[in-house]
Protein backbone atom coordinates (compact mmCIF):
# COMPACT_ATOMS: atom_id res chain seq x y z
CA UNK A 1 19.06 -28.41 -52.09
CA UNK A 2 16.70 -28.60 -49.10
CA UNK A 3 14.26 -26.24 -50.81
CA UNK A 4 14.37 -28.26 -54.03
CA UNK A 5 13.31 -31.34 -52.04
CA UNK A 6 10.66 -29.18 -50.38
CA UNK A 7 9.34 -28.16 -53.80
CA UNK A 8 9.19 -31.79 -54.91
CA UNK A 9 7.24 -32.68 -51.77
CA UNK A 10 4.84 -29.76 -52.23
CA UNK A 11 4.09 -30.85 -55.79
CA UNK A 12 3.54 -34.42 -54.65
CA UNK A 13 1.02 -33.19 -52.05
CA UNK A 14 -0.73 -30.96 -54.60
CA UNK A 15 -1.13 -33.94 -56.93
CA UNK A 16 -2.30 -36.35 -54.22
CA UNK A 17 -5.52 -37.97 -55.54
CA UNK A 18 -7.27 -37.82 -52.16
CA UNK A 19 -6.02 -34.70 -50.41
CA UNK A 20 -4.47 -32.61 -53.17
CA UNK A 21 -5.69 -29.57 -55.11
CA UNK A 22 -8.49 -30.46 -57.59
CA UNK A 23 -7.05 -28.19 -60.29
CA UNK A 24 -3.50 -29.54 -59.95
CA UNK A 25 -4.74 -33.14 -59.92
CA UNK A 26 -6.60 -32.82 -63.22
CA UNK A 27 -3.68 -31.33 -65.16
CA UNK A 28 -1.86 -33.33 -67.85
CA UNK A 29 1.36 -32.93 -69.82
CA UNK A 30 -0.58 -31.23 -72.61
CA UNK A 31 -2.71 -28.97 -70.42
CA UNK A 32 0.23 -27.18 -68.78
CA UNK A 33 2.21 -26.58 -71.98
CA UNK A 34 0.67 -23.09 -72.46
CA UNK A 35 1.75 -22.16 -68.92
CA UNK A 36 5.28 -23.39 -69.60
CA UNK A 37 5.54 -21.29 -72.75
CA UNK A 38 4.19 -18.27 -70.87
CA UNK A 39 6.77 -18.70 -68.11
CA UNK A 40 9.64 -18.85 -70.62
CA UNK A 41 8.53 -15.54 -72.12
CA UNK A 42 8.21 -13.99 -68.67
CA UNK A 43 11.81 -15.03 -67.93
CA UNK A 44 12.90 -13.39 -71.19
CA UNK A 45 10.95 -10.24 -70.32
CA UNK A 46 12.57 -9.98 -66.88
CA UNK A 47 15.98 -10.23 -68.56
CA UNK A 48 15.01 -7.55 -71.10
CA UNK A 49 13.90 -5.28 -68.25
CA UNK A 50 17.12 -6.07 -66.34
CA UNK A 51 14.94 -6.81 -63.32
CA UNK A 52 16.96 -9.27 -61.25
CA UNK A 53 14.34 -9.59 -58.51
CA UNK A 54 11.69 -10.43 -61.09
CA UNK A 55 14.09 -12.79 -62.86
CA UNK A 56 14.56 -14.81 -59.67
CA UNK A 57 10.79 -15.04 -59.27
CA UNK A 58 10.19 -16.04 -62.89
CA UNK A 59 12.92 -18.69 -62.79
CA UNK A 60 11.11 -20.17 -59.81
CA UNK A 61 7.90 -20.32 -61.84
CA UNK A 62 9.80 -22.01 -64.66
CA UNK A 63 11.36 -24.50 -62.25
CA UNK A 64 7.85 -25.30 -61.03
CA UNK A 65 6.91 -26.31 -64.57
CA UNK A 66 9.78 -28.81 -64.71
CA UNK A 67 8.84 -30.24 -61.33
CA UNK A 68 5.21 -30.46 -62.50
CA UNK A 69 6.13 -32.52 -65.57
CA UNK A 70 8.45 -34.82 -63.64
CA UNK A 71 5.85 -35.43 -60.91
CA UNK A 72 3.26 -36.46 -63.52
CA UNK A 73 5.84 -38.70 -65.19
CA UNK A 74 6.75 -40.25 -61.84
CA UNK A 75 3.08 -41.05 -61.19
CA UNK A 76 3.03 -43.00 -64.46
CA UNK A 77 6.33 -44.75 -63.70
CA UNK A 78 7.97 -43.05 -66.69
CA UNK A 79 10.81 -41.05 -65.12
CA UNK A 80 11.51 -38.60 -62.30
CA UNK A 81 13.57 -35.45 -61.74
CA UNK A 82 16.67 -37.49 -60.94
CA UNK A 83 16.39 -39.20 -64.34
CA UNK A 84 16.02 -35.83 -66.07
CA UNK A 85 19.09 -34.45 -64.29
CA UNK A 86 21.12 -37.57 -65.10
CA UNK A 87 20.14 -37.31 -68.77
CA UNK A 88 21.21 -33.67 -69.14
CA UNK A 89 24.46 -34.33 -67.23
CA UNK A 90 25.35 -37.17 -69.59
CA UNK A 91 24.43 -35.05 -72.60
CA UNK A 92 26.61 -32.11 -71.50
CA UNK A 93 29.62 -34.36 -70.91
CA UNK A 94 29.06 -36.15 -74.23
CA UNK A 95 28.82 -32.86 -76.16
CA UNK A 96 31.90 -31.33 -74.52
CA UNK A 97 34.68 -33.88 -75.02
CA UNK A 98 37.11 -30.96 -75.39
CA UNK A 99 36.41 -30.20 -71.72
CA UNK A 100 35.78 -33.59 -70.13
CA UNK A 101 37.95 -35.80 -72.36
CA UNK A 102 41.64 -35.29 -71.58
CA UNK A 103 42.61 -36.40 -75.09
CA UNK A 104 40.73 -33.42 -76.57
CA UNK A 105 41.38 -30.91 -73.79
CA UNK A 106 44.01 -29.02 -75.79
CA UNK A 107 41.77 -28.46 -78.81
CA UNK A 108 39.24 -25.78 -77.81
CA UNK A 109 38.35 -25.03 -81.46
CA UNK A 110 37.04 -28.57 -81.75
CA UNK A 111 33.84 -27.55 -79.94
CA UNK A 112 32.34 -25.36 -82.67
CA UNK A 113 33.30 -27.82 -85.39
CA UNK A 114 31.86 -30.92 -83.77
CA UNK A 115 28.85 -29.77 -81.70
CA UNK A 116 26.40 -30.26 -84.56
CA UNK A 117 28.07 -33.52 -85.61
CA UNK A 118 27.55 -34.95 -82.14
CA UNK A 119 23.92 -33.78 -82.07
CA UNK A 120 23.32 -35.24 -85.52
CA UNK A 121 24.72 -38.57 -84.37
CA UNK A 122 22.41 -38.49 -81.34
CA UNK A 123 19.41 -37.78 -83.57
CA UNK A 124 20.31 -40.66 -85.86
CA UNK A 125 20.59 -43.04 -82.93
CA UNK A 126 17.15 -42.02 -81.67
CA UNK A 127 15.36 -42.19 -85.02
CA UNK A 128 14.15 -45.26 -86.86
CA UNK A 129 16.67 -46.13 -89.56
CA UNK A 130 14.01 -46.00 -92.26
CA UNK A 131 12.77 -42.52 -91.34
CA UNK A 132 15.87 -40.57 -90.37
CA UNK A 133 15.70 -36.90 -91.41
CA UNK A 134 17.95 -34.08 -90.38
CA UNK A 135 14.86 -31.96 -89.69
CA UNK A 136 12.35 -34.45 -88.29
CA UNK A 137 12.89 -33.64 -84.61
CA UNK A 138 12.58 -29.84 -84.84
CA UNK A 139 9.51 -28.95 -82.73
CA UNK A 140 6.55 -27.57 -84.67
CA UNK A 141 5.27 -25.68 -81.62
CA UNK A 142 8.36 -23.54 -81.04
CA UNK A 143 8.24 -19.85 -82.11
CA UNK A 144 8.51 -19.88 -85.87
CA UNK A 145 11.37 -17.37 -86.11
CA UNK A 146 13.42 -19.62 -83.85
CA UNK A 147 12.27 -22.69 -85.76
CA UNK A 148 13.35 -21.14 -89.07
CA UNK A 149 16.80 -20.43 -87.64
CA UNK A 150 17.05 -23.97 -86.29
CA UNK A 151 16.10 -25.42 -89.69
CA UNK A 152 18.67 -23.24 -91.45
CA UNK A 153 21.40 -24.02 -88.93
CA UNK A 154 20.67 -27.73 -89.17
CA UNK A 155 20.94 -27.90 -92.98
CA UNK A 156 23.98 -25.62 -92.91
CA UNK A 157 25.77 -28.23 -90.78
CA UNK A 158 25.80 -30.57 -93.81
CA UNK A 159 26.83 -27.88 -96.30
CA UNK A 160 23.41 -26.74 -97.59
CA UNK A 161 23.93 -23.00 -97.16
CA UNK A 162 24.94 -19.83 -98.96
CA UNK A 163 28.75 -19.41 -98.92
CA UNK A 164 28.49 -15.73 -97.97
CA UNK A 165 26.01 -13.00 -97.02
CA UNK A 166 25.62 -11.61 -100.55
CA UNK A 167 23.71 -14.69 -101.71
CA UNK A 168 21.38 -14.45 -98.72
CA UNK A 169 20.63 -10.77 -99.40
CA UNK A 170 19.94 -11.51 -103.07
CA UNK A 171 17.50 -14.21 -101.96
CA UNK A 172 15.65 -11.72 -99.75
CA UNK A 173 15.37 -9.29 -102.68
CA UNK A 174 14.12 -12.13 -104.90
CA UNK A 175 11.46 -13.14 -102.37
CA UNK A 176 10.38 -9.52 -101.87
CA UNK A 177 9.91 -9.10 -105.62
CA UNK A 178 7.87 -12.31 -105.76
CA UNK A 179 5.65 -11.04 -102.95
CA UNK A 180 5.13 -7.73 -104.79
CA UNK A 181 4.18 -9.64 -107.92
CA UNK A 182 1.56 -11.68 -106.06
CA UNK A 183 0.17 -8.52 -104.43
CA UNK A 184 -0.16 -6.84 -107.83
CA UNK A 185 -1.54 -9.81 -109.79
CA UNK A 186 -2.98 -12.59 -107.66
CA UNK A 187 -3.81 -11.21 -104.22
CA UNK A 188 -5.18 -14.57 -103.02
CA UNK A 189 -4.67 -15.21 -99.33
CA UNK A 190 -2.95 -18.56 -99.81
CA UNK A 191 -0.48 -17.17 -102.35
CA UNK A 192 0.20 -14.12 -100.19
CA UNK A 193 0.91 -16.28 -97.15
CA UNK A 194 3.25 -18.51 -99.14
CA UNK A 195 5.31 -15.65 -100.54
CA UNK A 196 5.37 -13.74 -97.26
CA UNK A 197 6.50 -16.92 -95.51
CA UNK A 198 9.34 -17.31 -98.02
CA UNK A 199 10.37 -13.70 -97.41
CA UNK A 200 10.34 -14.06 -93.63
CA UNK A 201 12.34 -17.28 -93.86
CA UNK A 202 14.95 -15.48 -95.96
CA UNK A 203 15.11 -12.55 -93.53
CA UNK A 204 15.76 -14.99 -90.69
CA UNK A 205 18.59 -16.40 -92.79
CA UNK A 206 20.18 -12.93 -92.91
CA UNK A 207 19.96 -12.71 -89.13
CA UNK A 208 21.66 -16.10 -88.81
CA UNK A 209 24.49 -15.11 -91.14
CA UNK A 210 25.15 -11.86 -89.24
CA UNK A 211 24.87 -13.67 -85.88
CA UNK A 212 21.74 -11.85 -84.70
CA UNK A 213 18.87 -13.72 -83.07
CA UNK A 214 15.78 -12.78 -85.11
CA UNK A 215 13.42 -13.42 -82.20
CA UNK A 216 15.44 -11.14 -79.91
CA UNK A 217 15.77 -8.49 -82.60
CA UNK A 218 12.01 -8.47 -83.22
CA UNK A 219 11.27 -8.34 -79.49
CA UNK A 220 13.55 -5.33 -79.10
CA UNK A 221 11.97 -3.75 -82.18
CA UNK A 222 8.54 -4.20 -80.59
CA UNK A 223 9.76 -2.60 -77.35
CA UNK A 224 11.19 0.34 -79.29
CA UNK A 225 7.94 0.83 -81.22
CA UNK A 226 5.89 0.75 -78.00
CA UNK A 227 8.10 3.39 -76.37
CA UNK A 228 7.81 5.68 -79.39
CA UNK A 229 4.06 5.23 -79.68
CA UNK A 230 3.63 5.91 -75.96
CA UNK A 231 5.58 9.15 -76.43
CA UNK A 232 3.22 10.06 -79.27
CA UNK A 233 0.21 9.32 -77.05
CA UNK A 234 1.63 11.51 -74.29
CA UNK A 235 2.11 14.45 -76.67
CA UNK A 236 -1.47 14.09 -77.90
CA UNK A 237 -2.78 14.01 -74.30
CA UNK A 238 -0.79 17.12 -73.44
CA UNK A 239 -2.66 18.97 -76.18
CA UNK A 240 -6.00 17.70 -74.87
CA UNK A 241 -6.87 15.86 -78.06
CA UNK A 242 -7.30 12.35 -79.43
CA UNK A 243 -5.06 10.64 -81.96
CA UNK A 244 -8.00 10.60 -84.37
CA UNK A 245 -7.99 14.43 -84.31
CA UNK A 246 -4.65 14.56 -86.14
CA UNK A 247 -3.76 13.98 -89.75
CA UNK A 248 -1.24 11.29 -90.61
CA UNK A 249 1.27 14.01 -91.49
CA UNK A 250 0.88 15.59 -88.03
CA UNK A 251 1.26 12.24 -86.33
CA UNK A 252 4.41 11.63 -88.37
CA UNK A 253 5.90 14.80 -86.87
CA UNK A 254 5.24 13.44 -83.37
CA UNK A 255 6.77 10.14 -84.47
CA UNK A 256 9.97 11.81 -85.65
CA UNK A 257 10.19 13.61 -82.29
CA UNK A 258 9.71 10.28 -80.54
CA UNK A 259 12.58 8.75 -82.51
CA UNK A 260 14.91 11.49 -81.29
CA UNK A 261 13.72 11.32 -77.68
CA UNK A 262 13.84 7.52 -77.45
CA UNK A 263 17.28 7.02 -78.98
CA UNK A 264 19.21 4.47 -76.88
């Protein structure tokens, strides 16, 4: 814990109005949000790459973001890191009565059934009674695939969901047909965006029903595509040519080779 206190002291010095760093002093809650988002993705990338050394480094960068926010809040007499830690400790205990409450300690299945109920109760207590919505506190700024899943999971907790996967798949097919219809008849950007959005939302619903994280699946799909395209580029370089020198059919042959070479 000595180094955590050291980090808090360093941040306090960096933010000192007289002797601190000019850049650090002028930052606000809003101005460092992009850096926080970037650090989260860098943590995820280190995990994807199974790079433990890099993961330790990136977690440090992410911890810095938390310390940054709490230092700014402390300067405004809002809260400090101790308050943040106390809040999350209380929340974890409150949401795990099957662990911390001896009366519920025997019922481990209770956790999955009641987690969302507890969270919903917390949301209701926070919200104004005249404006309570099950979805009102879902962050707009979070990645939209994750946000779609959170919306779907939230409404599912009160019974608004397909009873099985077949209904979800039928919905995807329905949305795909509607998108095709707009492409063939309307082709206006607004209509295309609306129908494509409906399709993507439905695809995320499939991922939720089969217990696959859509954001993770897409990230892995991107990584796989990059590896295959890099293989294609290497084959083209070996022949001393440019990609533009090949027909689409020839490039497809390279692509099929890449799929075989880059299998798991």
